Amino acid sequence: MEYILAGACIILALTALALAVRISVIRREMRNIKKELILTRDKNYNRQLTVTLIDKSLSEMTAEINCNLDYQKALKHKTEKAELSLRQSVSDIAHDLRTPLTAIKGNIQLLEREEQLSPRSRDYLRICAEKADAMKAMADDFFELSVLESDNSSAQLEKTDITALLMQFIADNEGVIRTHNLTPEIIFPEKSIFVMADRMMLTRILGNLLNNVIKYANNSFTISLEENDSCVLSFSNSVPSDRVFDTDMLFERTYRGDKARQGGGAGLGLYIVKLLAEKQNAQVSAEKTGNILSMRIVFNIVR
């Protein structure tokens, strides 16, 4: 009897050990499946899961996951193709609009030179000219956006004296600023600040930020450049105290909840700033303190 009990105990112990080993192997396979799913999500769908354990249920589950991955891959490719087609259509439409708009503006300018126009006719022409300018600004915004979103190439980053570049930008746009009766307050550090940036993209960022200020500033605005652990470029201007908008959403393309995006363009200027900044490893943000709205771009400093 004792031998029988001892044998039974040994069998139970071996069975428990075998079960523990199998459970351990299954848990290892589950961890591997989880790891592969994470890689699939973060990298691409061109992966298939495999299991080394001969287990019917686990193999069937893995096969279903692979079917789902194939579906996700096909859906991703279909979505990417649709997005590419949409961007190309937007680009083509924007490009096609620019030519007739240029002709319309040219004809309006010729009509404005006519001496026999009545005051009412001149008012009509002025309105037409303003609307034509607005339409051209929208076409330009959509064209630039389609190009940026379709361009997967990296920015040409180089060590750039952002202080000197900003000073030159202000000098080049002094006439535009004065034409809009604005007085800029310029706050620069005593020494040059160097950042890794694409000079052409950085100039476009400055242009879009200035255009935003011109649309909404009243009498004056501030341009500042600060150096802490990073380089902070700010464009600040006053806004009506009763204007309500979400500063966290100002740089988003789809945000339309605020009046700050009304104007002659398509409201894409700040979104384009965000795209250009991200290509240069910079971060954008907006802050409203009282009635002062500040747009900030943070660059990494090069020592």
C-alpha atoms as a PDB file:
ATOM      1  CA  MET A   1       0.000   0.000   0.000  1.00  0.00           C
ATOM      2  CA  GLU A   2       2.810   2.353   0.857  1.00  0.00           C
ATOM      3  CA  TYR A   3       4.417   1.627  -2.508  1.00  0.00           C
ATOM      4  CA  ILE A   4       1.172   2.418  -4.255  1.00  0.00           C
ATOM      5  CA  LEU A   5       0.828   5.747  -2.411  1.00  0.00           C
ATOM      6  CA  ALA A   6       4.449   6.610  -3.112  1.00  0.00           C
ATOM      7  CA  GLY A   7       3.976   5.830  -6.791  1.00  0.00           C
ATOM      8  CA  ALA A   8       0.832   7.907  -6.914  1.00  0.00           C
ATOM      9  CA  CYS A   9       2.628  10.818  -5.281  1.00  0.00           C
ATOM     10  CA  ILE A  10       5.446  10.543  -7.790  1.00  0.00           C
ATOM     11  CA  ILE A  11       2.975  10.472 -10.663  1.00  0.00           C
ATOM     12  CA  LEU A  12       1.126  13.483  -9.272  1.00  0.00           C
ATOM     13  CA  ALA A  13       4.401  15.326  -8.766  1.00  0.00           C
ATOM     14  CA  LEU A  14       5.520  14.585 -12.320  1.00  0.00           C
ATOM     15  CA  THR A  15       2.112  15.582 -13.656  1.00  0.00           C
ATOM     16  CA  ALA A  16       2.203  18.838 -11.696  1.00  0.00           C
ATOM     17  CA  LEU A  17       5.739  19.507 -12.935  1.00  0.00           C
ATOM     18  CA  ALA A  18       4.728  18.809 -16.535  1.00  0.00           C
ATOM     19  CA  LEU A  19       1.696  21.073 -16.129  1.00  0.00           C
ATOM     20  CA  ALA A  20       3.821  23.833 -14.611  1.00  0.00           C
ATOM     21  CA  VAL A  21       6.311  23.556 -17.477  1.00  0.00           C
ATOM     22  CA  ARG A  22       3.494  23.695 -20.041  1.00  0.00           C
ATOM     23  CA  ILE A  23       1.921  26.710 -18.347  1.00  0.00           C
ATOM     24  CA  SER A  24       5.329  28.391 -18.301  1.00  0.00           C
ATOM     25  CA  VAL A  25       5.793  27.697 -22.007  1.00  0.00           C
ATOM     26  CA  ILE A  26       2.301  29.012 -22.814  1.00  0.00           C
ATOM     27  CA  ARG A  27       2.988  32.181 -20.807  1.00  0.00           C
ATOM     28  CA  ARG A  28       6.253  32.621 -22.718  1.00  0.00           C
ATOM     29  CA  GLU A  29       4.408  32.248 -26.009  1.00  0.00           C
ATOM     30  CA  MET A  30       1.822  34.795 -24.871  1.00  0.00           C
ATOM     31  CA  ARG A  31       4.587  37.256 -24.002  1.00  0.00           C
ATOM     32  CA  ASN A  32       6.121  36.717 -27.439  1.00  0.00           C
ATOM     33  CA  ILE A  33       2.751  37.316 -29.104  1.00  0.00           C
ATOM     34  CA  LYS A  34       2.316  40.522 -27.090  1.00  0.00           C
ATOM     35  CA  LYS A  35       5.804  41.680 -28.083  1.00  0.00           C
ATOM     36  CA  GLU A  36       5.102  40.979 -31.758  1.00  0.00           C
ATOM     37  CA  LEU A  37       1.797  42.854 -31.597  1.00  0.00           C
ATOM     38  CA  ILE A  38       3.547  45.885 -30.111  1.00  0.00           C
ATOM     39  CA  LEU A  39       6.152  45.789 -32.892  1.00  0.00           C
ATOM     40  CA  THR A  40       3.375  45.477 -35.447  1.00  0.00           C
ATOM     41  CA  ARG A  41       1.559  48.498 -34.019  1.00  0.00           C
ATOM     42  CA  ASP A  42       4.651  50.699 -33.705  1.00  0.00           C
ATOM     43  CA  LYS A  43       6.442  49.735 -36.933  1.00  0.00           C
ATOM     44  CA  ASN A  44       4.325  48.161 -39.663  1.00  0.00           C
ATOM     45  CA  TYR A  45       1.733  45.526 -40.440  1.00  0.00           C
ATOM     46  CA  ASN A  46       4.069  43.466 -42.624  1.00  0.00           C
ATOM     47  CA  ARG A  47       4.516  40.888 -39.882  1.00  0.00           C
ATOM     48  CA  GLN A  48       3.040  37.486 -39.090  1.00  0.00           C
ATOM     49  CA  LEU A  49       2.852  35.937 -35.632  1.00  0.00           C
ATOM     50  CA  THR A  50       4.263  32.470 -35.069  1.00  0.00           C
ATOM     51  CA  VAL A  51       4.163  30.039 -32.141  1.00  0.00           C
ATOM     52  CA  THR A  52       6.606  27.260 -31.391  1.00  0.00           C
ATOM     53  CA  LEU A  53       4.318  25.403 -28.980  1.00  0.00           C
ATOM     54  CA  ILE A  54       2.150  22.672 -30.484  1.00  0.00           C
ATOM     55  CA  ASP A  55      -1.177  23.680 -29.012  1.00  0.00           C
ATOM     56  CA  LYS A  56      -4.371  23.688 -31.060  1.00  0.00           C
ATOM     57  CA  SER A  57      -6.126  26.522 -29.223  1.00  0.00           C
ATOM     58  CA  LEU A  58      -3.070  28.755 -29.212  1.00  0.00           C
ATOM     59  CA  SER A  59      -2.395  28.042 -32.892  1.00  0.00           C
ATOM     60  CA  GLU A  60      -6.011  28.849 -33.804  1.00  0.00           C
ATOM     61  CA  MET A  61      -5.854  32.093 -31.831  1.00  0.00           C
ATOM     62  CA  THR A  62      -2.597  33.067 -33.564  1.00  0.00           C
ATOM     63  CA  ALA A  63      -4.117  32.308 -36.961  1.00  0.00           C
ATOM     64  CA  GLU A  64      -7.078  34.597 -36.179  1.00  0.00           C
ATOM     65  CA  ILE A  65      -4.721  37.356 -35.062  1.00  0.00           C
ATOM     66  CA  ASN A  66      -2.782  37.030 -38.333  1.00  0.00           C
ATOM     67  CA  CYS A  67      -6.043  37.295 -40.295  1.00  0.00           C
ATOM     68  CA  ASN A  68      -6.854  40.461 -38.376  1.00  0.00           C
ATOM     69  CA  LEU A  69      -3.372  41.828 -39.082  1.00  0.00           C
ATOM     70  CA  ASP A  70      -3.844  41.162 -42.796  1.00  0.00           C
ATOM     71  CA  TYR A  71      -7.133  43.065 -42.666  1.00  0.00           C
ATOM     72  CA  GLN A  72      -5.518  45.942 -40.790  1.00  0.00           C
ATOM     73  CA  LYS A  73      -2.696  46.045 -43.342  1.00  0.00           C
ATOM     74  CA  ALA A  74      -5.132  46.189 -46.256  1.00  0.00           C
ATOM     75  CA  LEU A  75      -7.184  48.871 -44.481  1.00  0.00           C
ATOM     76  CA  LYS A  76      -4.050  50.911 -43.739  1.00  0.00           C
ATOM     77  CA  HIS A  77      -2.901  50.763 -47.362  1.00  0.00           C
ATOM     78  CA  LYS A  78      -6.380  51.734 -48.562  1.00  0.00           C
ATOM     79  CA  THR A  79      -6.484  54.692 -46.172  1.00  0.00           C
ATOM     80  CA  GLU A  80      -3.003  55.859 -47.164  1.00  0.00           C
ATOM     81  CA  LYS A  81      -3.948  55.642 -50.838  1.00  0.00           C
ATOM     82  CA  ALA A  82      -7.138  57.658 -50.225  1.00  0.00           C
ATOM     83  CA  GLU A  83      -5.227  60.297 -48.246  1.00  0.00           C
ATOM     84  CA  LEU A  84      -2.607  60.576 -50.988  1.00  0.00           C
ATOM     85  CA  SER A  85      -5.318  60.945 -53.611  1.00  0.00           C
ATOM     86  CA  LEU A  86      -7.078  63.625 -51.542  1.00  0.00           C
ATOM     87  CA  ARG A  87      -3.852  65.581 -51.017  1.00  0.00           C
ATOM     88  CA  GLN A  88      -3.095  65.414 -54.728  1.00  0.00           C
ATOM     89  CA  SER A  89      -6.606  66.623 -55.547  1.00  0.00           C
ATOM     90  CA  VAL A  90      -6.288  69.529 -53.103  1.00  0.00           C
ATOM     91  CA  SER A  91      -2.899  70.403 -54.567  1.00  0.00           C
ATOM     92  CA  ASP A  92      -4.235  70.295 -58.141  1.00  0.00           C
ATOM     93  CA  ILE A  93      -7.304  72.391 -57.296  1.00  0.00           C
ATOM     94  CA  ALA A  94      -5.247  74.960 -55.405  1.00  0.00           C
ATOM     95  CA  HIS A  95      -2.739  75.144 -58.257  1.00  0.00           C
ATOM     96  CA  ASP A  96      -5.489  75.506 -60.866  1.00  0.00           C
ATOM     97  CA  LEU A  97      -7.159  78.297 -58.871  1.00  0.00           C
ATOM     98  CA  ARG A  98      -4.025  80.407 -58.700  1.00  0.00           C
ATOM     99  CA  THR A  99      -3.860  81.108 -62.449  1.00  0.00           C
ATOM    100  CA  PRO A 100      -7.384  82.523 -62.921  1.00  0.00           C
ATOM    101  CA  LEU A 101      -7.105  84.414 -59.631  1.00  0.00           C
ATOM    102  CA  THR A 102      -3.940  86.091 -60.881  1.00  0.00           C
ATOM    103  CA  ALA A 103      -5.766  87.086 -64.070  1.00  0.00           C
ATOM    104  CA  ILE A 104      -8.737  88.410 -62.081  1.00  0.00           C
ATOM    105  CA  LYS A 105      -6.476  90.518 -59.886  1.00  0.00           C
ATOM    106  CA  GLY A 106      -4.677  91.885 -62.939  1.00  0.00           C
ATOM    107  CA  ASN A 107      -7.940  92.906 -64.603  1.00  0.00           C
ATOM    108  CA  ILE A 108      -9.184  94.516 -61.393  1.00  0.00           C
ATOM    109  CA  GLN A 109      -5.985  96.579 -61.189  1.00  0.00           C
ATOM    110  CA  LEU A 110      -6.486  97.703 -64.791  1.00  0.00           C
ATOM    111  CA  LEU A 111     -10.073  98.722 -64.066  1.00  0.00           C
ATOM    112  CA  GLU A 112      -8.960 100.703 -61.010  1.00  0.00           C
ATOM    113  CA  ARG A 113      -6.881 102.920 -63.326  1.00  0.00           C
ATOM    114  CA  GLU A 114      -9.969 103.999 -65.252  1.00  0.00           C
ATOM    115  CA  GLU A 115     -10.682 107.651 -64.532  1.00  0.00           C
ATOM    116  CA  GLN A 116     -14.387 107.563 -65.419  1.00  0.00           C
ATOM    117  CA  LEU A 117     -15.411 105.107 -62.687  1.00  0.00           C
ATOM    118  CA  SER A 118     -18.048 106.305 -60.268  1.00  0.00           C
ATOM    119  CA  PRO A 119     -17.404 106.149 -56.508  1.00  0.00           C
ATOM    120  CA  ARG A 120     -19.838 103.226 -56.230  1.00  0.00           C
ATOM    121  CA  SER A 121     -18.014 101.350 -58.980  1.00  0.00           C
ATOM    122  CA  ARG A 122     -14.718 101.885 -57.182  1.00  0.00           C
ATOM    123  CA  ASP A 123     -16.258 100.467 -53.999  1.00  0.00           C
ATOM    124  CA  TYR A 124     -17.369  97.393 -55.945  1.00  0.00           C
ATOM    125  CA  LEU A 125     -13.878  97.010 -57.379  1.00  0.00           C
ATOM    126  CA  ARG A 126     -12.329  97.354 -53.934  1.00  0.00           C
ATOM    127  CA  ILE A 127     -14.570  94.585 -52.591  1.00  0.00           C
ATOM    128  CA  CYS A 128     -13.751  92.373 -55.569  1.00  0.00           C
ATOM    129  CA  ALA A 129     -10.034  92.969 -55.033  1.00  0.00           C
ATOM    130  CA  GLU A 130     -10.298  92.070 -51.339  1.00  0.00           C
ATOM    131  CA  LYS A 131     -12.191  88.860 -52.107  1.00  0.00           C
ATOM    132  CA  ALA A 132      -9.737  87.923 -54.836  1.00  0.00           C
ATOM    133  CA  ASP A 133      -6.862  88.437 -52.391  1.00  0.00           C
ATOM    134  CA  ALA A 134      -8.672  86.262 -49.841  1.00  0.00           C
ATOM    135  CA  MET A 135      -9.234  83.492 -52.365  1.00  0.00           C
ATOM    136  CA  LYS A 136      -5.602  83.599 -53.482  1.00  0.00           C
ATOM    137  CA  ALA A 137      -4.462  83.422 -49.854  1.00  0.00           C
ATOM    138  CA  MET A 138      -6.656  80.342 -49.331  1.00  0.00           C
ATOM    139  CA  ALA A 139      -5.371  78.694 -52.511  1.00  0.00           C
ATOM    140  CA  ASP A 140      -1.775  79.388 -51.452  1.00  0.00           C
ATOM    141  CA  ASP A 141      -2.416  77.930 -47.983  1.00  0.00           C
ATOM    142  CA  PHE A 142      -3.984  74.742 -49.330  1.00  0.00           C
ATOM    143  CA  PHE A 143      -1.226  74.314 -51.909  1.00  0.00           C
ATOM    144  CA  GLU A 144       1.511  74.742 -49.302  1.00  0.00           C
ATOM    145  CA  LEU A 145      -0.270  72.378 -46.912  1.00  0.00           C
ATOM    146  CA  SER A 146      -0.642  69.636 -49.516  1.00  0.00           C
ATOM    147  CA  VAL A 147       3.047  69.914 -50.368  1.00  0.00           C
ATOM    148  CA  LEU A 148       4.125  69.767 -46.714  1.00  0.00           C
ATOM    149  CA  GLU A 149       1.918  66.807 -45.802  1.00  0.00           C
ATOM    150  CA  SER A 150       3.036  64.862 -48.869  1.00  0.00           C
ATOM    151  CA  ASP A 151       6.734  65.598 -48.347  1.00  0.00           C
ATOM    152  CA  ASN A 152       8.358  62.878 -46.242  1.00  0.00           C
ATOM    153  CA  SER A 153      11.877  64.224 -46.717  1.00  0.00           C
ATOM    154  CA  SER A 154      13.812  65.430 -43.696  1.00  0.00           C
ATOM    155  CA  ALA A 155      14.590  69.059 -43.004  1.00  0.00           C
ATOM    156  CA  GLN A 156      18.075  70.264 -43.899  1.00  0.00           C
ATOM    157  CA  LEU A 157      19.151  71.008 -40.356  1.00  0.00           C
ATOM    158  CA  GLU A 158      22.271  73.075 -39.772  1.00  0.00           C
ATOM    159  CA  LYS A 159      23.715  75.215 -37.025  1.00  0.00           C
ATOM    160  CA  THR A 160      21.858  78.519 -37.427  1.00  0.00           C
ATOM    161  CA  ASP A 161      22.272  81.880 -35.737  1.00  0.00           C
ATOM    162  CA  ILE A 162      18.580  82.436 -35.033  1.00  0.00           C
ATOM    163  CA  THR A 163      19.270  85.901 -33.577  1.00  0.00           C
ATOM    164  CA  ALA A 164      20.834  87.155 -36.810  1.00  0.00           C
ATOM    165  CA  LEU A 165      18.194  85.456 -38.953  1.00  0.00           C
ATOM    166  CA  LEU A 166      15.366  87.041 -36.946  1.00  0.00           C
ATOM    167  CA  MET A 167      16.966  90.500 -37.120  1.00  0.00           C
ATOM    168  CA  GLN A 168      17.291  90.170 -40.893  1.00  0.00           C
ATOM    169  CA  PHE A 169      13.682  88.996 -41.147  1.00  0.00           C
ATOM    170  CA  ILE A 170      12.434  92.036 -39.231  1.00  0.00           C
ATOM    171  CA  ALA A 171      14.496  94.362 -41.412  1.00  0.00           C
ATOM    172  CA  ASP A 172      13.161  92.731 -44.587  1.00  0.00           C
ATOM    173  CA  ASN A 173       9.550  93.078 -43.396  1.00  0.00           C
ATOM    174  CA  GLU A 174       9.781  96.577 -41.891  1.00  0.00           C
ATOM    175  CA  GLY A 175       7.760  98.030 -44.755  1.00  0.00           C
ATOM    176  CA  VAL A 176       4.963  95.465 -44.326  1.00  0.00           C
ATOM    177  CA  ILE A 177       4.810  96.132 -40.593  1.00  0.00           C
ATOM    178  CA  ARG A 178       4.658  99.902 -41.068  1.00  0.00           C
ATOM    179  CA  THR A 179       2.028  99.592 -43.790  1.00  0.00           C
ATOM    180  CA  HIS A 180      -0.285  97.980 -41.235  1.00  0.00           C
ATOM    181  CA  ASN A 181       0.442 100.726 -38.686  1.00  0.00           C
ATOM    182  CA  LEU A 182       2.047  98.344 -36.215  1.00  0.00           C
ATOM    183  CA  THR A 183       4.880  99.112 -33.826  1.00  0.00           C
ATOM    184  CA  PRO A 184       6.927  96.062 -32.855  1.00  0.00           C
ATOM    185  CA  GLU A 185       8.633  95.659 -29.494  1.00  0.00           C
ATOM    186  CA  ILE A 186      11.730  93.547 -30.053  1.00  0.00           C
ATOM    187  CA  ILE A 187      13.385  91.723 -27.154  1.00  0.00           C
ATOM    188  CA  PHE A 188      16.667  90.043 -28.021  1.00  0.00           C
ATOM    189  CA  PRO A 189      19.449  88.572 -25.849  1.00  0.00           C
ATOM    190  CA  GLU A 190      22.811  90.273 -25.788  1.00  0.00           C
ATOM    191  CA  LYS A 191      24.517  87.394 -27.571  1.00  0.00           C
ATOM    192  CA  SER A 192      23.699  85.196 -30.534  1.00  0.00           C
ATOM    193  CA  ILE A 193      21.733  82.003 -30.019  1.00  0.00           C
ATOM    194  CA  PHE A 194      22.490  79.021 -32.231  1.00  0.00           C
ATOM    195  CA  VAL A 195      19.934  76.300 -32.979  1.00  0.00           C
ATOM    196  CA  MET A 196      19.691  73.338 -35.321  1.00  0.00           C
ATOM    197  CA  ALA A 197      17.236  74.476 -37.980  1.00  0.00           C
ATOM    198  CA  ASP A 198      16.400  74.545 -41.653  1.00  0.00           C
ATOM    199  CA  ARG A 199      16.875  78.205 -42.606  1.00  0.00           C
ATOM    200  CA  MET A 200      14.211  78.168 -45.318  1.00  0.00           C
ATOM    201  CA  MET A 201      11.632  76.474 -43.083  1.00  0.00           C
ATOM    202  CA  LEU A 202      12.473  78.799 -40.200  1.00  0.00           C
ATOM    203  CA  THR A 203      11.934  81.832 -42.435  1.00  0.00           C
ATOM    204  CA  ARG A 204       8.542  80.447 -43.481  1.00  0.00           C
ATOM    205  CA  ILE A 205       7.607  79.975 -39.818  1.00  0.00           C
ATOM    206  CA  LEU A 206       8.488  83.606 -39.104  1.00  0.00           C
ATOM    207  CA  GLY A 207       6.437  84.718 -42.095  1.00  0.00           C
ATOM    208  CA  ASN A 208       3.349  82.811 -40.981  1.00  0.00           C
ATOM    209  CA  LEU A 209       3.642  84.077 -37.409  1.00  0.00           C
ATOM    210  CA  LEU A 210       4.000  87.646 -38.663  1.00  0.00           C
ATOM    211  CA  ASN A 211       0.955  87.220 -40.930  1.00  0.00           C
ATOM    212  CA  ASN A 212      -1.029  85.998 -37.932  1.00  0.00           C
ATOM    213  CA  VAL A 213       0.045  89.053 -35.925  1.00  0.00           C
ATOM    214  CA  ILE A 214      -0.803  91.423 -38.785  1.00  0.00           C
ATOM    215  CA  LYS A 215      -4.324  89.989 -39.005  1.00  0.00           C
ATOM    216  CA  TYR A 216      -5.174  90.314 -35.333  1.00  0.00           C
ATOM    217  CA  ALA A 217      -2.766  92.733 -33.607  1.00  0.00           C
ATOM    218  CA  ASN A 218      -3.928  96.208 -32.618  1.00  0.00           C
ATOM    219  CA  ASN A 219      -1.259  98.930 -32.859  1.00  0.00           C
ATOM    220  CA  SER A 220       1.645  96.881 -31.502  1.00  0.00           C
ATOM    221  CA  PHE A 221       3.060  93.406 -30.975  1.00  0.00           C
ATOM    222  CA  THR A 222       6.121  91.825 -29.391  1.00  0.00           C
ATOM    223  CA  ILE A 223       8.810  89.551 -30.806  1.00  0.00           C
ATOM    224  CA  SER A 224      11.087  88.004 -28.209  1.00  0.00           C
ATOM    225  CA  LEU A 225      13.940  85.546 -28.209  1.00  0.00           C
ATOM    226  CA  GLU A 226      14.960  83.923 -24.930  1.00  0.00           C
ATOM    227  CA  GLU A 227      17.660  81.452 -23.985  1.00  0.00           C
ATOM    228  CA  ASN A 228      17.231  79.058 -21.073  1.00  0.00           C
ATOM    229  CA  ASP A 229      17.828  75.346 -21.446  1.00  0.00           C
ATOM    230  CA  SER A 230      16.384  75.859 -24.907  1.00  0.00           C
ATOM    231  CA  CYS A 231      15.653  78.712 -27.310  1.00  0.00           C
ATOM    232  CA  VAL A 232      12.149  80.190 -27.079  1.00  0.00           C
ATOM    233  CA  LEU A 233      10.875  82.339 -29.953  1.00  0.00           C
ATOM    234  CA  SER A 234       7.646  84.233 -29.180  1.00  0.00           C
ATOM    235  CA  PHE A 235       5.247  86.394 -31.157  1.00  0.00           C
ATOM    236  CA  SER A 236       2.755  88.145 -28.840  1.00  0.00           C
ATOM    237  CA  ASN A 237      -0.138  90.495 -29.489  1.00  0.00           C
ATOM    238  CA  SER A 238      -3.262  91.712 -27.722  1.00  0.00           C
ATOM    239  CA  VAL A 239      -6.667  90.166 -28.404  1.00  0.00           C
ATOM    240  CA  PRO A 240     -10.128  91.253 -27.229  1.00  0.00           C
ATOM    241  CA  SER A 241     -10.682  90.135 -23.636  1.00  0.00           C
ATOM    242  CA  ASP A 242     -14.030  88.552 -24.506  1.00  0.00           C
ATOM    243  CA  ARG A 243     -12.537  86.333 -27.215  1.00  0.00           C
ATOM    244  CA  VAL A 244     -12.748  82.705 -26.097  1.00  0.00           C
ATOM    245  CA  PHE A 245     -10.713  79.930 -27.685  1.00  0.00           C
ATOM    246  CA  ASP A 246      -8.710  76.859 -26.741  1.00  0.00           C
ATOM    247  CA  THR A 247      -4.993  77.711 -26.869  1.00  0.00           C
ATOM    248  CA  ASP A 248      -4.149  73.998 -26.915  1.00  0.00           C
ATOM    249  CA  MET A 249      -5.951  73.694 -30.247  1.00  0.00           C
ATOM    250  CA  LEU A 250      -4.787  76.829 -32.066  1.00  0.00           C
ATOM    251  CA  PHE A 251      -2.130  74.954 -34.045  1.00  0.00           C
ATOM    252  CA  GLU A 252      -4.526  72.201 -35.142  1.00  0.00           C
ATOM    253  CA  ARG A 253      -5.809  72.139 -38.700  1.00  0.00           C
ATOM    254  CA  THR A 254      -9.350  71.144 -37.807  1.00  0.00           C
ATOM    255  CA  TYR A 255      -9.863  73.705 -35.020  1.00  0.00           C
ATOM    256  CA  ARG A 256     -12.547  76.224 -35.909  1.00  0.00           C
ATOM    257  CA  GLY A 257     -14.023  77.053 -32.515  1.00  0.00           C
ATOM    258  CA  ASP A 258     -12.429  80.497 -32.215  1.00  0.00           C
ATOM    259  CA  LYS A 259     -12.692  83.770 -34.039  1.00  0.00           C
ATOM    260  CA  ALA A 260      -8.907  84.089 -34.084  1.00  0.00           C
ATOM    261  CA  ARG A 261      -8.859  82.082 -37.294  1.00  0.00           C
ATOM    262  CA  GLN A 262     -11.186  84.280 -39.243  1.00  0.00           C
ATOM    263  CA  GLY A 263      -9.598  86.307 -41.960  1.00  0.00           C
ATOM    264  CA  GLY A 264      -8.420  86.269 -45.520  1.00  0.00           C
ATOM    265  CA  GLY A 265      -6.726  82.876 -45.558  1.00  0.00           C
ATOM    266  CA  ALA A 266      -7.944  79.355 -44.934  1.00  0.00           C
ATOM    267  CA  GLY A 267      -6.930  79.420 -41.294  1.00  0.00           C
ATOM    268  CA  LEU A 268      -4.053  77.041 -41.948  1.00  0.00           C
ATOM    269  CA  GLY A 269      -1.141  79.366 -41.141  1.00  0.00           C
ATOM    270  CA  LEU A 270      -0.560  78.142 -37.585  1.00  0.00           C
ATOM    271  CA  TYR A 271      -1.032  74.498 -38.562  1.00  0.00           C
ATOM    272  CA  ILE A 272       1.654  74.964 -41.217  1.00  0.00           C
ATOM    273  CA  VAL A 273       3.875  76.513 -38.516  1.00  0.00           C
ATOM    274  CA  LYS A 274       3.382  73.363 -36.458  1.00  0.00           C
ATOM    275  CA  LEU A 275       4.285  71.069 -39.381  1.00  0.00           C
ATOM    276  CA  LEU A 276       7.426  73.058 -40.172  1.00  0.00           C
ATOM    277  CA  ALA A 277       8.470  73.163 -36.507  1.00  0.00           C
ATOM    278  CA  GLU A 278       8.038  69.414 -36.058  1.00  0.00           C
ATOM    279  CA  LYS A 279      10.221  68.767 -39.101  1.00  0.00           C
ATOM    280  CA  GLN A 280      12.962  70.665 -37.207  1.00  0.00           C
ATOM    281  CA  ASN A 281      12.407  68.851 -33.884  1.00  0.00           C
ATOM    282  CA  ALA A 282      10.886  71.999 -32.384  1.00  0.00           C
ATOM    283  CA  GLN A 283       7.708  72.313 -30.305  1.00  0.00           C
ATOM    284  CA  VAL A 284       4.878  74.826 -30.652  1.00  0.00           C
ATOM    285  CA  SER A 285       2.527  76.163 -28.010  1.00  0.00           C
ATOM    286  CA  ALA A 286       0.160  79.047 -27.345  1.00  0.00           C
ATOM    287  CA  GLU A 287      -0.633  80.894 -24.140  1.00  0.00           C
ATOM    288  CA  LYS A 288      -3.163  83.584 -23.298  1.00  0.00           C
ATOM    289  CA  THR A 289      -2.469  85.782 -20.287  1.00  0.00           C
ATOM    290  CA  GLY A 290      -5.106  88.436 -19.793  1.00  0.00           C
ATOM    291  CA  ASN A 291      -5.615  89.864 -23.247  1.00  0.00           C
ATOM    292  CA  ILE A 292      -2.132  88.925 -24.523  1.00  0.00           C
ATOM    293  CA  LEU A 293      -1.866  85.905 -26.802  1.00  0.00           C
ATOM    294  CA  SER A 294       1.629  84.436 -27.292  1.00  0.00           C
ATOM    295  CA  MET A 295       2.711  81.939 -29.948  1.00  0.00           C
ATOM    296  CA  ARG A 296       5.897  80.110 -28.948  1.00  0.00           C
ATOM    297  CA  ILE A 297       8.359  77.915 -30.806  1.00  0.00           C
ATOM    298  CA  VAL A 298      10.944  76.048 -28.715  1.00  0.00           C
ATOM    299  CA  PHE A 299      14.184  74.994 -30.424  1.00  0.00           C
ATOM    300  CA  ASN A 300      17.062  72.912 -29.152  1.00  0.00           C
ATOM    301  CA  ILE A 301      20.149  75.037 -28.533  1.00  0.00           C
ATOM    302  CA  VAL A 302      23.514  74.208 -30.076  1.00  0.00           C
ATOM    303  CA  ARG A 303      26.421  75.108 -27.804  1.00  0.00           C
END
